C-alpha atoms as a PDB file:
ATOM      1  CA  MET A   1      17.007  -7.070 -15.280  1.00  0.00           C
ATOM      2  CA  VAL A   2      14.066  -7.114 -17.668  1.00  0.00           C
ATOM      3  CA  VAL A   3      12.365  -3.738 -17.850  1.00  0.00           C
ATOM      4  CA  GLY A   4       8.636  -3.774 -18.585  1.00  0.00           C
ATOM      5  CA  PHE A   5       5.124  -2.958 -17.441  1.00  0.00           C
ATOM      6  CA  LEU A   6       2.493  -5.012 -15.652  1.00  0.00           C
ATOM      7  CA  THR A   7      -0.253  -5.937 -18.129  1.00  0.00           C
ATOM      8  CA  ASP A   8      -2.834  -8.686 -18.339  1.00  0.00           C
ATOM      9  CA  ASP A   9      -0.843 -10.655 -20.915  1.00  0.00           C
ATOM     10  CA  MET A  10       2.507 -10.354 -19.166  1.00  0.00           C
ATOM     11  CA  PRO A  11       3.190 -12.968 -16.481  1.00  0.00           C
ATOM     12  CA  VAL A  12       4.669 -11.447 -13.353  1.00  0.00           C
ATOM     13  CA  ARG A  13       6.617 -14.429 -12.081  1.00  0.00           C
ATOM     14  CA  GLY A  14       9.860 -15.484 -13.674  1.00  0.00           C
ATOM     15  CA  GLN A  15      10.932 -11.925 -14.477  1.00  0.00           C
ATOM     16  CA  THR A  16      12.313  -8.985 -12.581  1.00  0.00           C
ATOM     17  CA  LEU A  17      10.043  -6.202 -13.723  1.00  0.00           C
ATOM     18  CA  VAL A  18      10.446  -2.535 -13.121  1.00  0.00           C
ATOM     19  CA  VAL A  19       6.832  -1.500 -12.895  1.00  0.00           C
ATOM     20  CA  GLY A  20       6.983   1.755 -14.747  1.00  0.00           C
ATOM     21  CA  MET A  21       4.819   4.823 -14.832  1.00  0.00           C
ATOM     22  CA  GLU A  22       1.801   3.016 -16.296  1.00  0.00           C
ATOM     23  CA  THR A  23      -0.665   0.432 -15.063  1.00  0.00           C
ATOM     24  CA  ASP A  24      -3.823  -1.067 -16.512  1.00  0.00           C
ATOM     25  CA  ASP A  25      -6.310   1.470 -17.898  1.00  0.00           C
ATOM     26  CA  HIS A  26      -9.206  -0.298 -16.197  1.00  0.00           C
ATOM     27  CA  LEU A  27      -7.573   0.115 -12.795  1.00  0.00           C
ATOM     28  CA  ARG A  28      -6.828   3.759 -13.506  1.00  0.00           C
ATOM     29  CA  PHE A  29     -10.501   4.206 -14.421  1.00  0.00           C
ATOM     30  CA  LEU A  30     -11.409   2.570 -11.129  1.00  0.00           C
ATOM     31  CA  VAL A  31      -9.808   5.260  -8.973  1.00  0.00           C
ATOM     32  CA  SER A  32     -11.191   8.092 -11.093  1.00  0.00           C
ATOM     33  CA  TRP A  33     -14.842   7.046 -10.839  1.00  0.00           C
ATOM     34  CA  LEU A  34     -16.499   4.898  -8.166  1.00  0.00           C
ATOM     35  CA  PRO A  35     -20.218   4.036  -8.060  1.00  0.00           C
ATOM     36  CA  ALA A  36     -22.279   4.455  -4.914  1.00  0.00           C
ATOM     37  CA  LYS A  37     -22.508   0.781  -4.063  1.00  0.00           C
ATOM     38  CA  THR A  38     -18.786   0.540  -3.302  1.00  0.00           C
ATOM     39  CA  LEU A  39     -18.662   3.500  -0.883  1.00  0.00           C
ATOM     40  CA  PRO A  40     -20.225   4.703   2.366  1.00  0.00           C
ATOM     41  CA  PRO A  41     -23.232   6.949   1.543  1.00  0.00           C
ATOM     42  CA  GLU A  42     -21.541  10.175   2.603  1.00  0.00           C
ATOM     43  CA  LYS A  43     -18.614   9.458   0.244  1.00  0.00           C
ATOM     44  CA  ALA A  44     -20.583   8.283  -2.784  1.00  0.00           C
ATOM     45  CA  PRO A  45     -20.959  10.351  -5.985  1.00  0.00           C
ATOM     46  CA  LEU A  46     -24.384  11.006  -7.438  1.00  0.00           C
ATOM     47  CA  ALA A  47     -25.549   8.672 -10.183  1.00  0.00           C
ATOM     48  CA  PRO A  48     -25.887  10.227 -13.633  1.00  0.00           C
ATOM     49  CA  ALA A  49     -29.343  10.478 -15.218  1.00  0.00           C
ATOM     50  CA  GLY A  50     -30.394   7.084 -16.505  1.00  0.00           C
ATOM     51  CA  GLY A  51     -28.102   5.188 -14.122  1.00  0.00           C
ATOM     52  CA  TYR A  52     -24.523   4.089 -14.563  1.00  0.00           C
ATOM     53  CA  GLY A  53     -25.015   1.867 -17.604  1.00  0.00           C
ATOM     54  CA  ARG A  54     -21.772   1.093 -19.382  1.00  0.00           C
ATOM     55  CA  ARG A  55     -19.715   2.946 -16.812  1.00  0.00           C
ATOM     56  CA  ALA A  56     -21.054   0.654 -14.101  1.00  0.00           C
ATOM     57  CA  MET A  57     -20.241  -2.398 -16.218  1.00  0.00           C
ATOM     58  CA  LYS A  58     -16.727  -1.144 -16.809  1.00  0.00           C
ATOM     59  CA  GLN A  59     -16.243  -0.366 -13.144  1.00  0.00           C
ATOM     60  CA  THR A  60     -17.555  -3.802 -12.120  1.00  0.00           C
ATOM     61  CA  ALA A  61     -15.104  -5.416 -14.534  1.00  0.00           C
ATOM     62  CA  ALA A  62     -12.289  -3.318 -13.075  1.00  0.00           C
ATOM     63  CA  LEU A  63     -13.161  -4.398  -9.535  1.00  0.00           C
ATOM     64  CA  ALA A  64     -13.201  -8.055 -10.587  1.00  0.00           C
ATOM     65  CA  GLN A  65      -9.879  -7.678 -12.378  1.00  0.00           C
ATOM     66  CA  LEU A  66      -8.314  -5.984  -9.365  1.00  0.00           C
ATOM     67  CA  ALA A  67      -9.560  -8.736  -7.036  1.00  0.00           C
ATOM     68  CA  ALA A  68      -8.249 -11.498  -9.318  1.00  0.00           C
ATOM     69  CA  ARG A  69      -4.858  -9.851  -9.651  1.00  0.00           C
ATOM     70  CA  TYR A  70      -4.606  -9.341  -5.884  1.00  0.00           C
ATOM     71  CA  GLU A  71      -5.529 -12.984  -5.245  1.00  0.00           C
ATOM     72  CA  ARG A  72      -2.915 -14.161  -7.756  1.00  0.00           C
ATOM     73  CA  ASP A  73       0.001 -11.905  -6.854  1.00  0.00           C
ATOM     74  CA  GLY A  74      -0.710 -10.614  -3.349  1.00  0.00           C
ATOM     75  CA  PHE A  75      -0.479  -7.003  -4.536  1.00  0.00           C
ATOM     76  CA  VAL A  76      -1.887  -4.553  -7.095  1.00  0.00           C
ATOM     77  CA  ILE A  77      -0.738  -1.139  -8.291  1.00  0.00           C
ATOM     78  CA  LEU A  78      -3.085   1.802  -8.872  1.00  0.00           C
ATOM     79  CA  LYS A  79      -1.848   4.727 -10.936  1.00  0.00           C
ATOM     80  CA  ASP A  80      -2.221   8.408 -10.038  1.00  0.00           C
ATOM     81  CA  VAL A  81      -4.435   8.059  -6.989  1.00  0.00           C
ATOM     82  CA  LEU A  82      -3.168  11.430  -5.716  1.00  0.00           C
ATOM     83  CA  SER A  83      -2.213  14.510  -7.685  1.00  0.00           C
ATOM     84  CA  PRO A  84       1.265  16.098  -7.458  1.00  0.00           C
ATOM     85  CA  GLU A  85      -0.279  18.995  -5.522  1.00  0.00           C
ATOM     86  CA  GLU A  86      -1.794  16.601  -2.980  1.00  0.00           C
ATOM     87  CA  CYS A  87       1.563  14.869  -2.602  1.00  0.00           C
ATOM     88  CA  ASP A  88       3.239  18.218  -1.933  1.00  0.00           C
ATOM     89  CA  ARG A  89       0.720  19.098   0.792  1.00  0.00           C
ATOM     90  CA  LEU A  90       1.079  15.666   2.376  1.00  0.00           C
ATOM     91  CA  LYS A  91       4.886  15.985   2.381  1.00  0.00           C
ATOM     92  CA  VAL A  92       4.693  19.328   4.202  1.00  0.00           C
ATOM     93  CA  GLU A  93       2.325  17.776   6.726  1.00  0.00           C
ATOM     94  CA  ALA A  94       4.543  14.698   7.098  1.00  0.00           C
ATOM     95  CA  ARG A  95       7.488  16.923   7.924  1.00  0.00           C
ATOM     96  CA  ARG A  96       5.401  18.728  10.564  1.00  0.00           C
ATOM     97  CA  VAL A  97       4.221  15.448  12.099  1.00  0.00           C
ATOM     98  CA  LEU A  98       7.790  14.126  12.298  1.00  0.00           C
ATOM     99  CA  ASP A  99       9.155  17.353  13.777  1.00  0.00           C
ATOM    100  CA  GLU A 100       6.433  17.595  16.417  1.00  0.00           C
ATOM    101  CA  ASN A 101       5.864  13.943  17.307  1.00  0.00           C
ATOM    102  CA  ALA A 102       8.749  11.652  16.288  1.00  0.00           C
ATOM    103  CA  LYS A 103      12.009  11.009  18.062  1.00  0.00           C
ATOM    104  CA  PRO A 104      14.956  13.018  16.661  1.00  0.00           C
ATOM    105  CA  GLY A 105      16.368  11.270  13.612  1.00  0.00           C
ATOM    106  CA  ALA A 106      13.498   8.781  13.389  1.00  0.00           C
ATOM    107  CA  SER A 107      12.751   7.411   9.927  1.00  0.00           C
ATOM    108  CA  VAL A 108       9.368   5.900  10.889  1.00  0.00           C
ATOM    109  CA  HIS A 109       6.463   7.397  12.816  1.00  0.00           C
ATOM    110  CA  VAL A 110       3.240   5.503  13.566  1.00  0.00           C
ATOM    111  CA  HIS A 111      -0.261   6.879  14.350  1.00  0.00           C
ATOM    112  CA  VAL A 112      -0.092   9.749  11.842  1.00  0.00           C
ATOM    113  CA  THR A 113      -3.874   9.923  11.443  1.00  0.00           C
ATOM    114  CA  ALA A 114      -4.271  10.370  15.199  1.00  0.00           C
ATOM    115  CA  VAL A 115      -2.474  13.734  15.020  1.00  0.00           C
ATOM    116  CA  SER A 116      -3.282  14.944  11.488  1.00  0.00           C
ATOM    117  CA  PRO A 117      -6.721  15.709  10.012  1.00  0.00           C
ATOM    118  CA  LEU A 118      -5.110  15.773   6.555  1.00  0.00           C
ATOM    119  CA  TYR A 119      -3.932  12.178   6.910  1.00  0.00           C
ATOM    120  CA  ARG A 120      -7.258  11.191   8.451  1.00  0.00           C
ATOM    121  CA  GLY A 121      -8.884  12.391   5.248  1.00  0.00           C
ATOM    122  CA  LEU A 122      -6.407  10.367   3.197  1.00  0.00           C
ATOM    123  CA  SER A 123      -7.161   7.177   5.130  1.00  0.00           C
ATOM    124  CA  GLU A 124     -10.866   7.553   4.279  1.00  0.00           C
ATOM    125  CA  ASP A 125     -10.472   8.820   0.714  1.00  0.00           C
ATOM    126  CA  PRO A 126     -12.887   7.091  -1.740  1.00  0.00           C
ATOM    127  CA  ARG A 127     -10.052   6.726  -4.249  1.00  0.00           C
ATOM    128  CA  ILE A 128      -8.444   4.343  -1.763  1.00  0.00           C
ATOM    129  CA  VAL A 129     -11.432   2.844   0.033  1.00  0.00           C
ATOM    130  CA  GLY A 130     -13.317   2.090  -3.195  1.00  0.00           C
ATOM    131  CA  PRO A 131     -10.649  -0.213  -4.641  1.00  0.00           C
ATOM    132  CA  LEU A 132     -10.175  -1.810  -1.213  1.00  0.00           C
ATOM    133  CA  THR A 133     -13.742  -3.081  -1.305  1.00  0.00           C
ATOM    134  CA  ALA A 134     -12.749  -5.304  -4.241  1.00  0.00           C
ATOM    135  CA  VAL A 135     -10.206  -7.195  -2.160  1.00  0.00           C
ATOM    136  CA  MET A 136     -11.959  -6.839   1.225  1.00  0.00           C
ATOM    137  CA  PRO A 137     -15.432  -8.352   0.689  1.00  0.00           C
ATOM    138  CA  HIS A 138     -16.213  -8.390   4.426  1.00  0.00           C
ATOM    139  CA  GLY A 139     -15.915  -4.646   4.910  1.00  0.00           C
ATOM    140  CA  VAL A 140     -13.130  -2.127   5.399  1.00  0.00           C
ATOM    141  CA  MET A 141     -11.773  -0.858   8.712  1.00  0.00           C
ATOM    142  CA  PHE A 142      -8.854   1.556   8.976  1.00  0.00           C
ATOM    143  CA  LEU A 143      -6.365   0.387  11.596  1.00  0.00           C
ATOM    144  CA  SER A 144      -3.274   2.606  11.587  1.00  0.00           C
ATOM    145  CA  ASP A 145      -0.760   4.416   9.399  1.00  0.00           C
ATOM    146  CA  LYS A 146       2.873   5.435   9.428  1.00  0.00           C
ATOM    147  CA  ILE A 147       5.238   7.800   7.692  1.00  0.00           C
ATOM    148  CA  VAL A 148       8.425   6.209   6.393  1.00  0.00           C
ATOM    149  CA  TYR A 149      11.065   8.831   5.681  1.00  0.00           C
ATOM    150  CA  LYS A 150      14.315   7.908   4.001  1.00  0.00           C
ATOM    151  CA  SER A 151      16.664  10.861   4.079  1.00  0.00           C
ATOM    152  CA  ALA A 152      19.480  11.176   1.574  1.00  0.00           C
ATOM    153  CA  ASP A 153      21.880   9.537   4.034  1.00  0.00           C
ATOM    154  CA  LYS A 154      19.620   6.524   4.726  1.00  0.00           C
ATOM    155  CA  LYS A 155      20.963   4.130   2.118  1.00  0.00           C
ATOM    156  CA  PHE A 156      20.043   0.735   3.567  1.00  0.00           C
ATOM    157  CA  ALA A 157      17.758  -1.685   1.750  1.00  0.00           C
ATOM    158  CA  THR A 158      14.856  -2.907   3.849  1.00  0.00           C
ATOM    159  CA  PRO A 159      15.351  -6.685   4.322  1.00  0.00           C
ATOM    160  CA  TRP A 160      12.805  -9.227   3.116  1.00  0.00           C
ATOM    161  CA  HIS A 161       9.952  -9.580   5.594  1.00  0.00           C
ATOM    162  CA  ILE A 162       6.216 -10.182   6.038  1.00  0.00           C
ATOM    163  CA  ASP A 163       4.067  -7.756   7.995  1.00  0.00           C
ATOM    164  CA  CYS A 164       1.838 -10.372   9.626  1.00  0.00           C
ATOM    165  CA  PHE A 165       4.824 -11.377  11.785  1.00  0.00           C
ATOM    166  CA  TYR A 166       4.410  -8.102  13.676  1.00  0.00           C
ATOM    167  CA  TRP A 167       0.720  -8.633  14.464  1.00  0.00           C
ATOM    168  CA  ARG A 168       0.588 -12.371  15.075  1.00  0.00           C
ATOM    169  CA  ASN A 169      -2.672 -14.028  16.163  1.00  0.00           C
ATOM    170  CA  THR A 170      -4.818 -11.292  14.622  1.00  0.00           C
ATOM    171  CA  ARG A 171      -7.119 -11.284  11.608  1.00  0.00           C
ATOM    172  CA  PRO A 172      -5.639 -10.723   8.102  1.00  0.00           C
ATOM    173  CA  LYS A 173      -4.670  -7.223   7.070  1.00  0.00           C
ATOM    174  CA  LEU A 174      -3.407  -5.355   4.048  1.00  0.00           C
ATOM    175  CA  SER A 175      -1.505  -2.137   3.557  1.00  0.00           C
ATOM    176  CA  VAL A 176      -1.643   0.721   1.060  1.00  0.00           C
ATOM    177  CA  TRP A 177       1.833   2.056   0.208  1.00  0.00           C
ATOM    178  CA  ILE A 178       1.814   5.554  -1.347  1.00  0.00           C
ATOM    179  CA  PRO A 179       5.061   7.360  -2.189  1.00  0.00           C
ATOM    180  CA  LEU A 180       4.944  11.153  -1.975  1.00  0.00           C
ATOM    181  CA  ASP A 181       8.086  11.295  -4.141  1.00  0.00           C
ATOM    182  CA  ASP A 182       8.688   9.228  -7.274  1.00  0.00           C
ATOM    183  CA  ALA A 183       9.708   5.779  -6.009  1.00  0.00           C
ATOM    184  CA  LEU A 184      12.459   4.356  -8.194  1.00  0.00           C
ATOM    185  CA  ALA A 185      14.981   1.537  -8.129  1.00  0.00           C
ATOM    186  CA  ASP A 186      17.731   3.908  -6.986  1.00  0.00           C
ATOM    187  CA  ASN A 187      15.923   5.576  -4.078  1.00  0.00           C
ATOM    188  CA  GLY A 188      14.611   2.676  -2.024  1.00  0.00           C
ATOM    189  CA  THR A 189      11.326   1.735  -3.676  1.00  0.00           C
ATOM    190  CA  LEU A 190       9.244  -1.271  -2.671  1.00  0.00           C
ATOM    191  CA  THR A 191      10.266  -4.735  -3.885  1.00  0.00           C
ATOM    192  CA  VAL A 192       7.882  -7.706  -3.764  1.00  0.00           C
ATOM    193  CA  VAL A 193       7.796 -11.420  -4.514  1.00  0.00           C
ATOM    194  CA  PRO A 194       4.515 -12.093  -6.363  1.00  0.00           C
ATOM    195  CA  GLY A 195       2.542 -15.056  -5.080  1.00  0.00           C
ATOM    196  CA  SER A 196       4.594 -15.323  -1.886  1.00  0.00           C
ATOM    197  CA  HIS A 197       1.481 -14.574   0.199  1.00  0.00           C
ATOM    198  CA  LYS A 198       0.290 -18.135  -0.431  1.00  0.00           C
ATOM    199  CA  ARG A 199       2.864 -19.886   1.745  1.00  0.00           C
ATOM    200  CA  ASN A 200       4.332 -19.573   5.235  1.00  0.00           C
ATOM    201  CA  TRP A 201       7.699 -17.928   5.938  1.00  0.00           C
ATOM    202  CA  ASN A 202      10.072 -17.882   8.897  1.00  0.00           C
ATOM    203  CA  MET A 203      11.247 -14.601  10.372  1.00  0.00           C
ATOM    204  CA  VAL A 204      14.387 -14.589  12.508  1.00  0.00           C
ATOM    205  CA  LYS A 205      16.243 -11.915  14.430  1.00  0.00           C
ATOM    206  CA  ILE A 206      19.188 -10.768  12.346  1.00  0.00           C
ATOM    207  CA  GLY A 207      18.890  -7.007  12.102  1.00  0.00           C
ATOM    208  CA  LEU A 208      20.616  -4.298  10.127  1.00  0.00           C
ATOM    209  CA  PRO A 209      23.725  -2.656  11.591  1.00  0.00           C
ATOM    210  CA  SER A 210      21.736   0.599  11.695  1.00  0.00           C
ATOM    211  CA  GLY A 211      19.199  -0.987  14.022  1.00  0.00           C
ATOM    212  CA  ASP A 212      16.301  -0.004  11.773  1.00  0.00           C
ATOM    213  CA  PHE A 213      15.063  -3.582  11.302  1.00  0.00           C
ATOM    214  CA  GLN A 214      15.510  -6.470  13.717  1.00  0.00           C
ATOM    215  CA  TYR A 215      13.863  -9.356  11.866  1.00  0.00           C
ATOM    216  CA  GLU A 216      13.957 -10.756   8.349  1.00  0.00           C
ATOM    217  CA  ILE A 217      13.086 -13.898   6.407  1.00  0.00           C
ATOM    218  CA  ASN A 218      15.744 -16.603   6.606  1.00  0.00           C
ATOM    219  CA  ASP A 219      14.274 -19.273   4.313  1.00  0.00           C
ATOM    220  CA  SER A 220      14.001 -17.504   0.962  1.00  0.00           C
ATOM    221  CA  THR A 221      13.433 -19.917  -1.907  1.00  0.00           C
ATOM    222  CA  TRP A 222      12.682 -17.491  -4.719  1.00  0.00           C
ATOM    223  CA  LYS A 223      15.031 -16.560  -7.523  1.00  0.00           C
ATOM    224  CA  GLU A 224      16.201 -13.099  -8.470  1.00  0.00           C
ATOM    225  CA  GLY A 225      13.981 -13.268 -11.533  1.00  0.00           C
ATOM    226  CA  ASP A 226      10.889 -13.633  -9.331  1.00  0.00           C
ATOM    227  CA  VAL A 227      11.317 -10.199  -7.764  1.00  0.00           C
ATOM    228  CA  VAL A 228       9.293  -7.165  -8.853  1.00  0.00           C
ATOM    229  CA  VAL A 229      10.857  -3.740  -8.351  1.00  0.00           C
ATOM    230  CA  CYS A 230       7.903  -1.382  -8.015  1.00  0.00           C
ATOM    231  CA  ALA A 231       9.116   1.799  -9.708  1.00  0.00           C
ATOM    232  CA  ILE A 232       6.090   4.102  -9.621  1.00  0.00           C
ATOM    233  CA  LYS A 233       5.244   7.792  -9.777  1.00  0.00           C
ATOM    234  CA  ARG A 234       4.421   9.662  -6.611  1.00  0.00           C
ATOM    235  CA  GLY A 235       0.757   9.537  -5.727  1.00  0.00           C
ATOM    236  CA  SER A 236       0.318   6.028  -7.119  1.00  0.00           C
ATOM    237  CA  ALA A 237      -0.573   3.272  -4.669  1.00  0.00           C
ATOM    238  CA  ILE A 238       0.445  -0.317  -4.008  1.00  0.00           C
ATOM    239  CA  ILE A 239      -2.080  -2.457  -2.139  1.00  0.00           C
ATOM    240  CA  PHE A 240      -0.433  -5.552  -0.669  1.00  0.00           C
ATOM    241  CA  SER A 241      -1.240  -8.442   1.651  1.00  0.00           C
ATOM    242  CA  ASP A 242       0.320  -8.669   5.094  1.00  0.00           C
ATOM    243  CA  ARG A 243       1.585 -12.132   4.051  1.00  0.00           C
ATOM    244  CA  LEU A 244       3.393 -10.857   0.938  1.00  0.00           C
ATOM    245  CA  VAL A 245       7.197 -11.012   1.065  1.00  0.00           C
ATOM    246  CA  HIS A 246       8.526  -7.513   0.465  1.00  0.00           C
ATOM    247  CA  GLY A 247      11.496  -5.255   1.102  1.00  0.00           C
ATOM    248  CA  SER A 248      13.099  -2.302  -0.640  1.00  0.00           C
ATOM    249  CA  THR A 249      15.980  -1.375  -2.895  1.00  0.00           C
ATOM    250  CA  THR A 250      19.033   0.484  -1.654  1.00  0.00           C
ATOM    251  CA  ASN A 251      18.743   4.273  -1.646  1.00  0.00           C
ATOM    252  CA  THR A 252      21.701   5.368  -3.754  1.00  0.00           C
ATOM    253  CA  ALA A 253      20.094   8.472  -5.280  1.00  0.00           C
ATOM    254  CA  GLY A 254      21.107  10.797  -2.471  1.00  0.00           C
ATOM    255  CA  LYS A 255      17.591  12.231  -2.204  1.00  0.00           C
ATOM    256  CA  ASP A 256      14.942  12.328   0.498  1.00  0.00           C
ATOM    257  CA  ARG A 257      11.863  10.145   0.059  1.00  0.00           C
ATOM    258  CA  PHE A 258       8.550  10.148   1.927  1.00  0.00           C
ATOM    259  CA  VAL A 259       6.025   7.288   1.939  1.00  0.00           C
ATOM    260  CA  ILE A 260       2.745   6.924   3.800  1.00  0.00           C
ATOM    261  CA  ILE A 261       1.662   3.358   4.608  1.00  0.00           C
ATOM    262  CA  SER A 262      -1.916   2.789   5.800  1.00  0.00           C
ATOM    263  CA  THR A 263      -3.130  -0.555   7.146  1.00  0.00           C
ATOM    264  CA  TYR A 264      -6.680  -1.924   7.009  1.00  0.00           C
ATOM    265  CA  HIS A 265      -8.579  -5.047   8.011  1.00  0.00           C
ATOM    266  CA  ALA A 266     -12.178  -6.275   8.067  1.00  0.00           C
ATOM    267  CA  PRO A 267     -14.493  -4.866  10.762  1.00  0.00           C
ATOM    268  CA  ALA A 268     -14.785  -7.081  13.834  1.00  0.00           C
ATOM    269  CA  PRO A 269     -14.750  -6.739  17.611  1.00  0.00           C
ATOM    270  CA  ASP A 270     -11.472  -5.279  18.822  1.00  0.00           C
ATOM    271  CA  GLU A 271      -8.621  -7.690  19.365  1.00  0.00           C
ATOM    272  CA  PRO A 272      -6.005  -6.885  22.048  1.00  0.00           C
ATOM    273  CA  PHE A 273      -3.609  -5.696  19.333  1.00  0.00           C
ATOM    274  CA  ASP A 274      -6.155  -3.119  18.122  1.00  0.00           C
ATOM    275  CA  LEU A 275      -6.482  -1.347  21.453  1.00  0.00           C
ATOM    276  CA  ASP A 276      -3.150   0.463  21.056  1.00  0.00           C
ATOM    277  CA  LEU A 277      -4.239   2.015  17.750  1.00  0.00           C
ATOM    278  CA  PRO A 278      -6.388   5.052  18.607  1.00  0.00           C
ATOM    279  CA  ALA A 279      -7.368   6.102  15.057  1.00  0.00           C
ATOM    280  CA  ARG A 280      -9.023   2.794  14.078  1.00  0.00           C
ATOM    281  CA  LYS A 281     -12.378   3.301  12.385  1.00  0.00           C
ATOM    282  CA  VAL A 282     -14.913   1.280  10.391  1.00  0.00           C
ATOM    283  CA  LEU A 283     -15.205   2.787   6.899  1.00  0.00           C
ATOM    284  CA  VAL A 284     -17.322   0.182   5.091  1.00  0.00           C
ATOM    285  CA  PRO A 285     -19.372  -2.081   7.405  1.00  0.00           C
ATOM    286  CA  ALA A 286     -19.581  -5.785   6.692  1.00  0.00           C
ATOM    287  CA  GLY A 287     -22.402  -6.609   4.300  1.00  0.00           C
ATOM    288  CA  VAL A 288     -22.504  -3.197   2.595  1.00  0.00           C
END
């Protein structure tokens, strides 16, 4: 395994990278300051006297860089979107939501925003929605979210899969994957195959012995060196296409791990699939 960081001059493919605790400074700048034109009016910060000037130019460059990287790889990583204190509050709330709404022993619970104002606020947070506008030029609509909880005894690796298989015959979507604990190679962090969103894949029913996953990709053609292990600090975010091949590492650390995954698509009239998702909401209308 080659250990390194994602940078502009480092090709992603052909190496297995552990994406460490740093990402591009421009993308970090992007989540710390967002100009009004990228956000709904009620979420937008006030412009400084004299306009945005160089800050606007830098932010525009960051948006363009994010969009190009997403188009190339099918995913991007944003550093430190949430603070450690925010992660702690979200973990407490996640535990409450699971205890009050999920089946006993469940490791996944969907529709978190529908029962939690705190997670509703997260789904609409400008630090998330702003960067999404770079890769969603036709507007941003929140669709649904889910808590994924891997307890210390949940050791299985999530098999390779693509999310669009689970919402076939609908418009394209993307997800924002935010760990509330440091996500590392030894505790089941996200793994991705860069560029895999540009081709079609077959999903077949195989399933893990635990019953947690029923389908996985059966026609993998990538090499081990093509895989990226996304080792990131809690509160960072991974934005990825619903056509990107992804899975997870095995959880051998013996520690609990919480992740919130929020899914978005472009605003449009409801499709039949959407009607079962009660928290859906347009955040940035098309054309804004």
